[in-house]
Amino acid sequence: MTEPQNFRFQKHQKLRLQVDFDRVFKIGEVVSDGVLVIHGLRNQLDHSRLGISMSKRVGSSPVRNQWKRWIRESFRVHQHDLPRPFDIIIRPRRGAVGSFQAIEASLLKLIPKLEKRIG
């Protein structure tokens, strides 16, 4: 019998340092659609890490926090589907209307594009 996978979003899976954000923004690849923009870079760890960049243009703080919860939850559920360990920064596309289903579909569509672009 196989051991169940741990789907918790843990502290070590979060991009926290500004230097990490800067590295992904500077030398990483970018993919986007009508909902999300994803900046990504392969890392040397055994797990992927998530960073979220949220502008005040997205809306009021409750709206921004809802977006962040949806993004984290989508990443948490699909983190084991990522083909390789990446550092990814996700932000909403300007003018996008968010929902969990839209974010999840966008993430599942963009991650393979990101991997293809990174190589």
C-alpha atoms as a PDB file:
ATOM      1  CA  MET A   1       0.000   0.000   0.000  1.00  0.00           C
ATOM      2  CA  THR A   2       1.356   3.424  -0.931  1.00  0.00           C
ATOM      3  CA  GLU A   3       1.733   6.214   1.551  1.00  0.00           C
ATOM      4  CA  PRO A   4      -0.680   9.141   1.029  1.00  0.00           C
ATOM      5  CA  GLN A   5       0.850  12.343  -0.272  1.00  0.00           C
ATOM      6  CA  ASN A   6       1.030  15.347   2.006  1.00  0.00           C
ATOM      7  CA  PHE A   7      -0.942  18.178   0.439  1.00  0.00           C
ATOM      8  CA  ARG A   8      -0.311  20.770   3.143  1.00  0.00           C
ATOM      9  CA  PHE A   9       1.150  24.120   2.127  1.00  0.00           C
ATOM     10  CA  GLN A  10       4.190  24.297   4.364  1.00  0.00           C
ATOM     11  CA  LYS A  11       6.473  27.162   5.266  1.00  0.00           C
ATOM     12  CA  HIS A  12       9.424  25.831   3.257  1.00  0.00           C
ATOM     13  CA  GLN A  13       7.259  25.893   0.098  1.00  0.00           C
ATOM     14  CA  LYS A  14       6.874  29.659   0.233  1.00  0.00           C
ATOM     15  CA  LEU A  15       9.193  32.156  -1.450  1.00  0.00           C
ATOM     16  CA  ARG A  16       9.952  34.645   1.295  1.00  0.00           C
ATOM     17  CA  LEU A  17      13.217  36.409   0.536  1.00  0.00           C
ATOM     18  CA  GLN A  18      13.371  39.437  -1.742  1.00  0.00           C
ATOM     19  CA  VAL A  19      16.516  38.036  -3.348  1.00  0.00           C
ATOM     20  CA  ASP A  20      14.536  34.948  -4.443  1.00  0.00           C
ATOM     21  CA  PHE A  21      11.767  37.106  -5.906  1.00  0.00           C
ATOM     22  CA  ASP A  22      14.330  39.268  -7.707  1.00  0.00           C
ATOM     23  CA  ARG A  23      16.091  36.207  -9.155  1.00  0.00           C
ATOM     24  CA  VAL A  24      12.842  34.767 -10.536  1.00  0.00           C
ATOM     25  CA  PHE A  25      11.734  38.119 -11.961  1.00  0.00           C
ATOM     26  CA  LYS A  26      15.159  38.824 -13.490  1.00  0.00           C
ATOM     27  CA  ILE A  27      16.161  35.512 -15.092  1.00  0.00           C
ATOM     28  CA  GLY A  28      12.968  33.455 -15.001  1.00  0.00           C
ATOM     29  CA  GLU A  29      10.534  32.832 -17.844  1.00  0.00           C
ATOM     30  CA  VAL A  30       7.023  34.293 -18.049  1.00  0.00           C
ATOM     31  CA  VAL A  31       3.780  32.697 -19.224  1.00  0.00           C
ATOM     32  CA  SER A  32       0.313  34.202 -19.019  1.00  0.00           C
ATOM     33  CA  ASP A  33      -3.300  33.933 -20.047  1.00  0.00           C
ATOM     34  CA  GLY A  34      -6.392  36.006 -19.329  1.00  0.00           C
ATOM     35  CA  VAL A  35      -6.371  35.232 -15.587  1.00  0.00           C
ATOM     36  CA  LEU A  36      -2.798  34.746 -14.332  1.00  0.00           C
ATOM     37  CA  VAL A  37       0.776  35.736 -15.060  1.00  0.00           C
ATOM     38  CA  ILE A  38       3.354  33.203 -13.874  1.00  0.00           C
ATOM     39  CA  HIS A  39       7.078  33.886 -13.571  1.00  0.00           C
ATOM     40  CA  GLY A  40       9.068  30.700 -13.112  1.00  0.00           C
ATOM     41  CA  LEU A  41      12.568  29.376 -12.701  1.00  0.00           C
ATOM     42  CA  ARG A  42      13.824  25.872 -11.987  1.00  0.00           C
ATOM     43  CA  ASN A  43      15.309  25.497  -8.511  1.00  0.00           C
ATOM     44  CA  GLN A  44      17.819  23.038  -7.064  1.00  0.00           C
ATOM     45  CA  LEU A  45      15.542  21.879  -4.259  1.00  0.00           C
ATOM     46  CA  ASP A  46      13.394  18.760  -4.084  1.00  0.00           C
ATOM     47  CA  HIS A  47      10.156  20.793  -3.965  1.00  0.00           C
ATOM     48  CA  SER A  48       8.540  23.747  -5.674  1.00  0.00           C
ATOM     49  CA  ARG A  49       8.122  27.098  -3.961  1.00  0.00           C
ATOM     50  CA  LEU A  50       5.358  29.644  -4.460  1.00  0.00           C
ATOM     51  CA  GLY A  51       5.483  33.405  -4.286  1.00  0.00           C
ATOM     52  CA  ILE A  52       2.528  35.710  -4.821  1.00  0.00           C
ATOM     53  CA  SER A  53       2.818  39.252  -6.109  1.00  0.00           C
ATOM     54  CA  MET A  54      -0.324  41.298  -5.590  1.00  0.00           C
ATOM     55  CA  SER A  55      -0.750  44.897  -6.699  1.00  0.00           C
ATOM     56  CA  LYS A  56      -3.189  47.288  -5.073  1.00  0.00           C
ATOM     57  CA  ARG A  57      -4.681  47.722  -8.543  1.00  0.00           C
ATOM     58  CA  VAL A  58      -6.286  44.297  -8.113  1.00  0.00           C
ATOM     59  CA  GLY A  59      -8.735  45.750  -5.618  1.00  0.00           C
ATOM     60  CA  SER A  60      -9.348  46.342  -1.949  1.00  0.00           C
ATOM     61  CA  SER A  61      -7.569  44.273   0.674  1.00  0.00           C
ATOM     62  CA  PRO A  62     -10.412  41.716   1.006  1.00  0.00           C
ATOM     63  CA  VAL A  63     -10.319  41.193  -2.768  1.00  0.00           C
ATOM     64  CA  ARG A  64      -6.510  40.850  -2.797  1.00  0.00           C
ATOM     65  CA  ASN A  65      -6.622  38.422   0.131  1.00  0.00           C
ATOM     66  CA  GLN A  66      -9.257  36.310  -1.610  1.00  0.00           C
ATOM     67  CA  TRP A  67      -7.063  36.123  -4.721  1.00  0.00           C
ATOM     68  CA  LYS A  68      -4.104  35.030  -2.547  1.00  0.00           C
ATOM     69  CA  ARG A  69      -6.169  32.322  -0.828  1.00  0.00           C
ATOM     70  CA  TRP A  70      -7.373  30.986  -4.187  1.00  0.00           C
ATOM     71  CA  ILE A  71      -3.829  30.961  -5.624  1.00  0.00           C
ATOM     72  CA  ARG A  72      -2.352  29.228  -2.555  1.00  0.00           C
ATOM     73  CA  GLU A  73      -5.130  26.639  -2.512  1.00  0.00           C
ATOM     74  CA  SER A  74      -4.742  25.885  -6.213  1.00  0.00           C
ATOM     75  CA  PHE A  75      -0.969  25.493  -5.784  1.00  0.00           C
ATOM     76  CA  ARG A  76      -1.457  23.347  -2.673  1.00  0.00           C
ATOM     77  CA  VAL A  77      -3.793  20.927  -4.413  1.00  0.00           C
ATOM     78  CA  HIS A  78      -1.663  20.614  -7.562  1.00  0.00           C
ATOM     79  CA  GLN A  79       1.867  20.934  -6.151  1.00  0.00           C
ATOM     80  CA  HIS A  80       2.568  17.234  -6.677  1.00  0.00           C
ATOM     81  CA  ASP A  81       1.535  17.512 -10.332  1.00  0.00           C
ATOM     82  CA  LEU A  82       4.376  19.910 -11.100  1.00  0.00           C
ATOM     83  CA  PRO A  83       6.836  18.091 -13.367  1.00  0.00           C
ATOM     84  CA  ARG A  84       9.994  19.553 -11.795  1.00  0.00           C
ATOM     85  CA  PRO A  85      10.789  21.720  -8.798  1.00  0.00           C
ATOM     86  CA  PHE A  86      10.199  25.357  -9.704  1.00  0.00           C
ATOM     87  CA  ASP A  87      10.251  28.689  -7.956  1.00  0.00           C
ATOM     88  CA  ILE A  88       7.106  30.325  -9.277  1.00  0.00           C
ATOM     89  CA  ILE A  89       5.621  33.743  -8.673  1.00  0.00           C
ATOM     90  CA  ILE A  90       1.979  34.121  -9.549  1.00  0.00           C
ATOM     91  CA  ARG A  91       0.085  37.352  -9.987  1.00  0.00           C
ATOM     92  CA  PRO A  92      -3.352  38.170 -11.371  1.00  0.00           C
ATOM     93  CA  ARG A  93      -3.591  39.583 -14.867  1.00  0.00           C
ATOM     94  CA  ARG A  94      -4.647  43.224 -14.883  1.00  0.00           C
ATOM     95  CA  GLY A  95      -8.439  43.395 -15.187  1.00  0.00           C
ATOM     96  CA  ALA A  96      -8.980  39.670 -14.579  1.00  0.00           C
ATOM     97  CA  VAL A  97     -12.039  38.505 -12.694  1.00  0.00           C
ATOM     98  CA  GLY A  98     -11.070  35.840 -10.205  1.00  0.00           C
ATOM     99  CA  SER A  99     -12.650  32.634  -9.028  1.00  0.00           C
ATOM    100  CA  PHE A 100     -11.088  29.480  -7.681  1.00  0.00           C
ATOM    101  CA  GLN A 101     -12.124  27.500 -10.763  1.00  0.00           C
ATOM    102  CA  ALA A 102     -10.645  30.086 -13.155  1.00  0.00           C
ATOM    103  CA  ILE A 103      -7.370  30.247 -11.228  1.00  0.00           C
ATOM    104  CA  GLU A 104      -7.082  26.468 -11.010  1.00  0.00           C
ATOM    105  CA  ALA A 105      -7.758  26.026 -14.739  1.00  0.00           C
ATOM    106  CA  SER A 106      -5.269  28.768 -15.576  1.00  0.00           C
ATOM    107  CA  LEU A 107      -2.571  27.255 -13.357  1.00  0.00           C
ATOM    108  CA  LEU A 108      -3.039  23.797 -14.894  1.00  0.00           C
ATOM    109  CA  LYS A 109      -2.817  25.286 -18.387  1.00  0.00           C
ATOM    110  CA  LEU A 110       0.196  27.534 -17.748  1.00  0.00           C
ATOM    111  CA  ILE A 111       2.496  25.186 -15.802  1.00  0.00           C
ATOM    112  CA  PRO A 112       3.132  22.886 -18.822  1.00  0.00           C
ATOM    113  CA  LYS A 113       3.810  25.978 -20.960  1.00  0.00           C
ATOM    114  CA  LEU A 114       6.268  27.208 -18.350  1.00  0.00           C
ATOM    115  CA  GLU A 115       8.082  23.889 -18.232  1.00  0.00           C
ATOM    116  CA  LYS A 116       8.320  23.785 -22.027  1.00  0.00           C
ATOM    117  CA  ARG A 117       9.731  27.326 -22.098  1.00  0.00           C
ATOM    118  CA  ILE A 118      12.298  26.619 -19.373  1.00  0.00           C
ATOM    119  CA  GLY A 119      13.281  23.344 -21.024  1.00  0.00           C
END
